[in-house]
C-alpha cells in the first residue's frame, strides 16, 4: 500500500468536505493501492497533529470530530477540552512553525502533500518553503498563485509537484486540459470563460427580464453569493482565475495588468456603503443601466455574460455580449464554461462545461489532484 501523507490548511466548507471524502473513499483508494495519511489539519489559529507524524496519523474518528467542530463554528482548540485520542494542538505562531517542521521532516523522506483549502494570502510563505523542501502542493486557494511573480515562480518551479485544478473551475478539468494542449506544442490563441457560478446565475436570470437587484437578492438567499454580494459583483474572483490561466500560458503579468469591470460603482464599495444599505437601496440604482444593456444585446441576437477573455497580451474581465446560440449564450444557472482556441481548436473551440462551484465539487477536484501525485511517492 502506497502511503501519501497529507497536511490540510483550511477547515472551511471545502476543507471539511475534503476530509469527509478522504474518510468515505478509503475502500476505493485501497483498491488503487493508496492510503492517505492525514498528519495535520489547521484553521486560521490552530493546528492539530498526531504525537508522532512519522508513525501515526489523525484517525477517521478524529477527522469526523474536526468536521463537526468546524461546522459548528468552533475553533480547533475545542479539541483540547475533548481530550480524545493521541494528538497535539498548536496555536498561533507555533502552528506555522510546526507545519514547517513537518514539511522538513517528511519532505525529503516519505513525502508530503500540503493542501491549501483556505482563502488566505498568508499561506504562500508556508507553501513556498514546503515546495523548497521537496513537498508537493495542492491548492484550491487562488491567492498564492495570484501573488507576486516571484512567489508564483517559486511555487511552480517544479510543475510535477504542484496541482491547482480547483483554483479555476472547481472540479472541471480546465488546468489539466490546458497543460495537455501546452505540452503538445499546440499554441493557445485565446481563452474565453464564464468562471463564476454566482455571476453566471445572475447573467442568465437577467435574460428573463428580472431586474439586477431582484436577482442578486435571490442569489444571496439561495446561498450563491458571499455574505457581501459585492465580493462576487466586483469581478475580482474571476480576475484571479483569469490571472492563473494567463500565467499558465506564460504571460508575465500581475493583477494590475487586468482590466476588470465591477458591477457596482466606487461610491457603493465596501467601507463606503454597508451590505444592508447596498442591498436595500444601492443596487436598485443599477437596474436601469443593466436593463438597457440586456435589451440592446437582445436586439443584436445576443445575451450578456460575465466573462474573462485572454488573447495575445490582453486579459480582460467584464460583461460581454455573446450570441444566444453559442456555448456561452446557452449557459444557464451556475455552471462554468471555458472555450479554448488554439491551432488544433481554431474553427471549433475546445469547450469545457459543468458545475464550477460548490464545496463538494471543489473538494472532489482537490482529492483528484492529491491522488494524481501518487507516482511521486515511494
Protein backbone atom coordinates (compact mmCIF):
# COMPACT_ATOMS: atom_id res chain seq x y z
CA UNK A 1 0.00 0.00 0.00
CA UNK A 2 1.43 3.38 -1.05
CA UNK A 3 1.04 5.87 1.80
CA UNK A 4 0.65 9.56 0.97
CA UNK A 5 0.99 11.96 3.91
CA UNK A 6 -1.32 14.98 3.77
CA UNK A 7 -1.49 18.17 5.81
CA UNK A 8 -4.53 20.40 5.29
CA UNK A 9 -4.63 24.17 5.70
CA UNK A 10 -8.17 25.49 5.89
CA UNK A 11 -11.21 23.92 7.56
CA UNK A 12 -13.94 25.86 5.80
CA UNK A 13 -16.58 24.28 3.60
CA UNK A 14 -14.12 22.87 1.04
CA UNK A 15 -11.61 21.66 3.64
CA UNK A 16 -14.26 19.84 5.67
CA UNK A 17 -15.72 18.27 2.56
CA UNK A 18 -12.25 17.07 1.55
CA UNK A 19 -11.78 15.35 4.92
CA UNK A 20 -15.18 13.70 4.54
CA UNK A 21 -14.23 12.49 1.05
CA UNK A 22 -10.96 11.04 2.34
CA UNK A 23 -12.77 9.12 5.07
CA UNK A 24 -15.63 7.98 2.80
CA UNK A 25 -13.43 6.74 -0.05
CA UNK A 26 -10.99 4.62 1.97
CA UNK A 27 -12.12 1.39 0.28
CA UNK A 28 -11.86 2.91 -3.21
CA UNK A 29 -8.36 4.19 -2.56
CA UNK A 30 -7.34 0.84 -1.04
CA UNK A 31 -8.30 -0.87 -4.32
CA UNK A 32 -5.99 1.63 -6.05
CA UNK A 33 -3.22 0.69 -3.63
CA UNK A 34 -3.21 4.12 -1.98
CA UNK A 35 -3.73 5.24 1.63
CA UNK A 36 -3.99 8.93 2.51
CA UNK A 37 -2.39 9.65 5.91
CA UNK A 38 -3.75 12.92 7.29
CA UNK A 39 -0.93 14.13 9.54
CA UNK A 40 -2.19 17.65 10.19
CA UNK A 41 -5.27 19.86 9.96
CA UNK A 42 -5.19 23.60 10.59
CA UNK A 43 -7.55 26.55 10.68
CA UNK A 44 -6.54 30.20 10.88
CA UNK A 45 -5.43 29.90 14.50
CA UNK A 46 -4.50 26.29 15.34
CA UNK A 47 -3.02 23.04 14.06
CA UNK A 48 -3.80 19.51 15.21
CA UNK A 49 -1.26 16.74 14.56
CA UNK A 50 -0.60 13.19 15.80
CA UNK A 51 2.03 12.77 18.52
CA UNK A 52 4.44 11.10 16.08
CA UNK A 53 3.88 12.24 12.48
CA UNK A 54 6.35 9.66 11.14
CA UNK A 55 4.44 6.67 12.51
CA UNK A 56 0.94 7.92 13.26
CA UNK A 57 -1.92 9.77 11.60
CA UNK A 58 -5.13 11.52 12.62
CA UNK A 59 -7.66 8.68 12.61
CA UNK A 60 -11.01 8.84 10.82
CA UNK A 61 -12.96 9.27 14.05
CA UNK A 62 -10.94 12.34 14.95
CA UNK A 63 -11.29 13.75 11.42
CA UNK A 64 -15.07 13.41 11.74
CA UNK A 65 -14.93 15.22 15.08
CA UNK A 66 -12.88 18.01 13.47
CA UNK A 67 -15.54 18.38 10.75
CA UNK A 68 -18.32 18.59 13.35
CA UNK A 69 -16.43 21.15 15.44
CA UNK A 70 -15.69 23.40 12.48
CA UNK A 71 -19.22 23.04 11.06
CA UNK A 72 -20.48 24.38 14.38
CA UNK A 73 -18.21 27.40 14.01
CA UNK A 74 -15.90 26.38 16.86
CA UNK A 75 -12.08 26.61 16.75
CA UNK A 76 -9.79 23.58 16.65
CA UNK A 77 -8.70 24.43 20.19
CA UNK A 78 -12.01 22.85 21.24
CA UNK A 79 -10.24 19.51 20.78
CA UNK A 80 -8.13 20.28 23.86
CA UNK A 81 -11.25 20.20 26.00
CA UNK A 82 -12.45 16.95 24.47
CA UNK A 83 -9.21 15.14 25.20
CA UNK A 84 -9.87 12.42 22.63
CA UNK A 85 -7.06 10.39 21.10
CA UNK A 86 -3.31 10.82 20.79
CA UNK A 87 -2.76 14.19 19.21
CA UNK A 88 -1.29 17.61 19.90
CA UNK A 89 -2.80 21.06 19.26
CA UNK A 90 -0.56 24.03 18.41
CA UNK A 91 -1.80 27.64 18.47
CA UNK A 92 -0.76 30.90 16.85
CA UNK A 93 2.78 31.13 15.50
CA UNK A 94 3.51 27.66 16.90
CA UNK A 95 1.10 26.13 14.36
CA UNK A 96 3.01 27.62 11.44
CA UNK A 97 6.35 26.57 12.89
CA UNK A 98 5.09 23.01 13.42
CA UNK A 99 3.74 22.87 9.85
CA UNK A 100 7.17 23.84 8.52
CA UNK A 101 8.86 21.25 10.77
CA UNK A 102 6.55 18.52 9.45
CA UNK A 103 7.34 19.61 5.89
CA UNK A 104 11.06 19.40 6.68
CA UNK A 105 10.68 16.01 8.38
CA UNK A 106 8.57 14.36 5.66
CA UNK A 107 9.52 16.34 2.56
CA UNK A 108 12.85 14.60 1.99
CA UNK A 109 11.83 11.20 3.40
CA UNK A 110 8.37 9.70 2.85
CA UNK A 111 7.00 12.78 1.07
CA UNK A 112 4.19 15.14 1.97
CA UNK A 113 1.30 16.88 0.20
CA UNK A 114 0.49 20.31 1.63
CA UNK A 115 -3.13 21.11 0.73
CA UNK A 116 -4.35 24.71 0.82
CA UNK A 117 -8.15 24.96 1.07
CA UNK A 118 -8.03 28.29 2.90
CA UNK A 119 -8.90 31.70 1.48
CA UNK A 120 -5.82 33.33 2.96
CA UNK A 121 -2.95 35.13 1.29
CA UNK A 122 -0.72 34.24 4.25
CA UNK A 123 -0.25 30.58 3.25
CA UNK A 124 2.08 31.46 0.37
CA UNK A 125 5.20 31.56 2.59
CA UNK A 126 4.45 28.10 4.03
CA UNK A 127 3.76 26.70 0.56
CA UNK A 128 7.00 28.08 -0.88
CA UNK A 129 9.02 26.63 1.99
CA UNK A 130 7.25 23.26 1.65
CA UNK A 131 7.92 23.09 -2.09
CA UNK A 132 11.56 24.05 -1.47
CA UNK A 133 11.80 21.13 0.98
CA UNK A 134 10.61 18.67 -1.68
CA UNK A 135 6.94 18.53 -0.68
CA UNK A 136 4.03 18.57 -3.11
CA UNK A 137 1.34 21.25 -3.04
CA UNK A 138 -2.34 21.07 -3.96
CA UNK A 139 -4.32 24.30 -3.99
CA UNK A 140 -7.95 25.31 -4.04
CA UNK A 141 -6.86 28.73 -2.74
CA UNK A 142 -6.26 31.15 -5.61
CA UNK A 143 -4.34 33.81 -3.68
CA UNK A 144 -0.87 32.18 -3.58
CA UNK A 145 -0.91 31.74 -7.38
CA UNK A 146 -2.04 35.34 -7.93
CA UNK A 147 0.55 36.83 -5.62
CA UNK A 148 3.78 38.37 -6.93
CA UNK A 149 5.58 36.82 -9.89
CA UNK A 150 8.44 35.99 -7.55
CA UNK A 151 6.12 33.92 -5.37
CA UNK A 152 4.48 32.32 -8.41
CA UNK A 153 7.82 31.30 -9.92
CA UNK A 154 8.91 29.61 -6.68
CA UNK A 155 5.62 27.69 -6.37
CA UNK A 156 5.65 26.33 -9.93
CA UNK A 157 9.42 25.77 -10.16
CA UNK A 158 8.81 22.00 -10.35
CA UNK A 159 5.46 21.63 -12.19
CA UNK A 160 5.24 17.94 -11.26
CA UNK A 161 4.88 18.84 -7.59
CA UNK A 162 2.01 21.32 -7.76
CA UNK A 163 -1.64 20.84 -8.71
CA UNK A 164 -4.28 23.54 -8.65
CA UNK A 165 -7.20 22.37 -10.76
CA UNK A 166 -9.75 23.60 -8.22
CA UNK A 167 -8.49 27.20 -8.32
CA UNK A 168 -10.22 27.84 -11.64
CA UNK A 169 -13.22 25.60 -12.31
CA UNK A 170 -13.78 23.63 -9.10
CA UNK A 171 -13.74 20.03 -10.37
CA UNK A 172 -13.72 20.86 -14.10
CA UNK A 173 -10.56 19.69 -15.93
CA UNK A 174 -9.58 23.15 -17.17
CA UNK A 175 -5.95 23.21 -15.96
CA UNK A 176 -5.36 19.58 -16.98
CA UNK A 177 -6.73 20.23 -20.48
CA UNK A 178 -4.62 23.34 -20.90
CA UNK A 179 -1.49 21.53 -19.73
CA UNK A 180 -2.07 18.79 -22.32
CA UNK A 181 -2.51 21.37 -25.09
CA UNK A 182 0.60 23.28 -24.00
CA UNK A 183 2.67 20.08 -23.68
CA UNK A 184 1.71 19.05 -27.20
CA UNK A 185 3.16 22.27 -28.61
CA UNK A 186 -0.27 23.46 -29.77
CA UNK A 187 -0.23 27.27 -29.27
CA UNK A 188 -3.27 28.66 -27.44
CA UNK A 189 -4.66 31.70 -29.26
CA UNK A 190 -7.45 32.71 -26.90
CA UNK A 191 -9.47 31.70 -23.85
CA UNK A 192 -12.97 32.93 -23.08
CA UNK A 193 -14.68 31.70 -19.95
CA UNK A 194 -17.62 32.23 -17.64
CA UNK A 195 -15.88 31.26 -14.42
CA UNK A 196 -18.20 32.47 -11.68
CA UNK A 197 -21.18 30.34 -10.74
CA UNK A 198 -22.66 33.38 -8.98
CA UNK A 199 -22.29 35.77 -11.92
CA UNK A 200 -23.33 33.02 -14.34
CA UNK A 201 -26.58 32.66 -12.41
CA UNK A 202 -27.09 36.44 -12.29
CA UNK A 203 -26.50 36.91 -16.02
CA UNK A 204 -28.76 34.05 -17.12
CA UNK A 205 -31.57 35.28 -14.82
CA UNK A 206 -31.35 38.77 -16.35
CA UNK A 207 -32.37 37.26 -19.69
CA UNK A 208 -35.83 36.60 -18.28
CA UNK A 209 -36.38 40.30 -17.66
CA UNK A 210 -35.77 40.29 -13.92
CA UNK A 211 -34.05 43.40 -12.50
CA UNK A 212 -30.48 43.05 -11.26
CA UNK A 213 -31.42 43.99 -7.70
CA UNK A 214 -34.04 41.23 -7.51
CA UNK A 215 -31.70 38.62 -8.99
CA UNK A 216 -28.84 39.46 -6.59
CA UNK A 217 -31.12 39.37 -3.54
CA UNK A 218 -32.46 35.99 -4.67
CA UNK A 219 -28.92 34.68 -5.25
CA UNK A 220 -27.93 35.73 -1.73
CA UNK A 221 -30.99 33.99 -0.26
CA UNK A 222 -30.11 30.81 -2.20
CA UNK A 223 -26.57 30.92 -0.79
CA UNK A 224 -24.95 31.52 -4.20
CA UNK A 225 -23.16 34.70 -3.13
CA UNK A 226 -20.66 35.62 -0.45
CA UNK A 227 -22.14 37.22 2.72
CA UNK A 228 -21.38 40.52 0.99
CA UNK A 229 -22.50 40.01 -2.66
CA UNK A 230 -20.11 42.74 -3.75
CA UNK A 231 -17.28 40.25 -3.25
CA UNK A 232 -18.76 38.45 -6.28
CA UNK A 233 -20.03 41.50 -8.18
CA UNK A 234 -16.59 43.17 -8.09
CA UNK A 235 -15.26 40.59 -10.57
CA UNK A 236 -12.11 40.11 -8.50
CA UNK A 237 -12.64 36.36 -8.11
CA UNK A 238 -12.95 35.94 -11.89
CA UNK A 239 -9.88 38.15 -12.35
CA UNK A 240 -7.83 35.86 -10.09
CA UNK A 241 -8.88 32.87 -12.18
CA UNK A 242 -8.01 34.74 -15.37
CA UNK A 243 -4.58 35.61 -13.95
CA UNK A 244 -3.91 31.95 -13.12
CA UNK A 245 -4.83 30.90 -16.68
CA UNK A 246 -2.78 33.71 -18.23
CA UNK A 247 0.29 32.81 -16.18
CA UNK A 248 -0.16 29.16 -17.15
CA UNK A 249 0.20 30.35 -20.75
CA UNK A 250 3.49 32.01 -19.84
CA UNK A 251 2.25 35.60 -19.61
CA UNK A 252 4.32 37.61 -17.11
CA UNK A 253 1.53 39.74 -15.72
CA UNK A 254 0.19 40.89 -12.35
CA UNK A 255 -3.34 41.71 -11.19
CA UNK A 256 -2.96 45.40 -12.05
CA UNK A 257 -2.45 44.36 -15.70
CA UNK A 258 -6.02 43.05 -15.91
CA UNK A 259 -8.89 45.31 -16.94
CA UNK A 260 -11.73 44.48 -14.52
CA UNK A 261 -15.34 45.66 -14.84
CA UNK A 262 -17.14 45.83 -11.50
CA UNK A 263 -20.93 45.65 -11.50
CA UNK A 264 -21.16 48.48 -8.93
CA UNK A 265 -19.54 51.95 -8.82
CA UNK A 266 -16.87 53.13 -6.39
CA UNK A 267 -19.39 55.02 -4.25
CA UNK A 268 -21.08 51.70 -3.39
CA UNK A 269 -17.92 49.83 -2.45
CA UNK A 270 -17.47 48.15 0.96
CA UNK A 271 -16.31 50.68 3.53
CA UNK A 272 -18.42 53.39 1.96
CA UNK A 273 -21.79 51.62 1.94
CA UNK A 274 -22.94 48.84 4.27
CA UNK A 275 -24.13 45.49 2.94
CA UNK A 276 -27.72 46.17 4.04
CA UNK A 277 -27.73 49.63 2.51
CA UNK A 278 -26.34 48.26 -0.74
CA UNK A 279 -28.97 45.52 -0.97
CA UNK A 280 -31.90 47.68 0.11
CA UNK A 281 -31.09 50.94 -1.66
CA UNK A 282 -27.86 50.98 -3.65
CA UNK A 283 -28.23 48.09 -6.06
CA UNK A 284 -31.68 49.21 -7.27
CA UNK A 285 -29.97 52.27 -8.78
CA UNK A 286 -28.07 49.91 -11.12
CA UNK A 287 -31.19 48.23 -12.52
CA UNK A 288 -31.92 50.65 -15.37
CA UNK A 289 -28.42 50.56 -16.89
CA UNK A 290 -28.27 46.76 -16.83
CA UNK A 291 -31.81 46.50 -18.24
CA UNK A 292 -30.81 48.71 -21.17
CA UNK A 293 -27.73 46.58 -21.83
CA UNK A 294 -29.84 43.39 -21.74
CA UNK A 295 -32.31 44.86 -24.27
CA UNK A 296 -29.52 46.14 -26.52
CA UNK A 297 -27.87 42.71 -26.54
CA UNK A 298 -31.20 41.02 -27.29
CA UNK A 299 -31.78 43.30 -30.29
CA UNK A 300 -28.42 42.09 -31.63
CA UNK A 301 -29.37 38.43 -31.15
CA UNK A 302 -27.11 38.22 -28.13
CA UNK A 303 -27.19 37.80 -24.35
CA UNK A 304 -24.96 39.20 -21.63
CA UNK A 305 -22.34 37.07 -19.92
CA UNK A 306 -19.71 38.00 -17.36
CA UNK A 307 -16.53 36.53 -18.82
CA UNK A 308 -12.77 36.55 -18.73
CA UNK A 309 -11.02 36.99 -22.08
CA UNK A 310 -7.38 36.18 -22.69
CA UNK A 311 -5.95 36.93 -26.12
CA UNK A 312 -2.44 38.00 -27.01
CA UNK A 313 -1.16 40.32 -24.29
CA UNK A 314 -4.70 41.36 -23.30
CA UNK A 315 -6.51 39.98 -20.25
CA UNK A 316 -9.96 41.44 -19.54
CA UNK A 317 -12.81 40.63 -17.19
CA UNK A 318 -16.33 42.02 -17.56
CA UNK A 319 -19.76 41.89 -19.20
CA UNK A 320 -19.80 41.00 -22.90
CA UNK A 321 -22.47 40.34 -25.49
CA UNK A 322 -22.29 36.79 -26.85
CA UNK A 323 -24.51 35.11 -29.49
CA UNK A 324 -27.56 33.38 -28.00
CA UNK A 325 -26.81 30.15 -29.87
CA UNK A 326 -23.14 29.96 -28.78
CA UNK A 327 -21.99 27.67 -25.94
CA UNK A 328 -21.62 30.75 -23.72
CA UNK A 329 -25.01 32.06 -24.78
CA UNK A 330 -26.73 28.77 -23.97
CA UNK A 331 -25.19 28.64 -20.50
CA UNK A 332 -27.79 28.63 -17.72
CA UNK A 333 -27.67 28.68 -13.94
CA UNK A 334 -24.43 28.45 -12.03
CA UNK A 335 -22.47 26.26 -14.46
CA UNK A 336 -19.00 27.33 -15.60
CA UNK A 337 -17.76 27.15 -19.17
CA UNK A 338 -14.39 27.70 -20.85
CA UNK A 339 -13.72 27.97 -24.59
CA UNK A 340 -10.11 27.42 -25.66
CA UNK A 341 -8.98 28.23 -29.20
CA UNK A 342 -5.63 27.01 -30.49
CA UNK A 343 -4.10 25.85 -33.75
CA UNK A 344 -5.87 22.49 -33.42
CA UNK A 345 -9.04 24.00 -31.96
CA UNK A 346 -9.31 27.00 -34.27
CA UNK A 347 -12.68 26.71 -36.01
CA UNK A 348 -14.39 24.74 -33.24
CA UNK A 349 -13.03 25.64 -29.77
CA UNK A 350 -12.42 23.09 -27.06
CA UNK A 351 -15.39 23.63 -24.72
CA UNK A 352 -15.31 22.53 -21.08
CA UNK A 353 -18.59 22.95 -19.21
CA UNK A 354 -20.14 21.81 -15.94
CA UNK A 355 -20.63 22.60 -12.29
CA UNK A 356 -17.97 25.12 -11.41
CA UNK A 357 -18.85 25.84 -7.81
CA UNK A 358 -19.84 24.11 -4.59
CA UNK A 359 -17.86 22.59 -1.75
CA UNK A 360 -18.47 19.01 -2.89
CA UNK A 361 -17.30 19.61 -6.47
CA UNK A 362 -14.29 21.68 -5.40
CA UNK A 363 -13.21 19.14 -2.76
CA UNK A 364 -13.53 16.34 -5.34
CA UNK A 365 -11.15 18.28 -7.59
CA UNK A 366 -8.66 18.68 -4.74
CA UNK A 367 -8.84 14.98 -3.89
CA UNK A 368 -8.27 14.02 -7.53
CA UNK A 369 -5.19 16.27 -7.59
CA UNK A 370 -3.78 14.54 -4.49
CA UNK A 371 -4.31 11.07 -5.96
CA UNK A 372 -2.82 12.26 -9.26
CA UNK A 373 0.51 12.75 -7.45
CA UNK A 374 0.82 9.18 -6.23
CA UNK A 375 3.63 8.33 -8.67
CA UNK A 376 5.89 10.84 -6.87
CA UNK A 377 5.66 8.81 -3.64
CA UNK A 378 7.68 5.72 -2.77
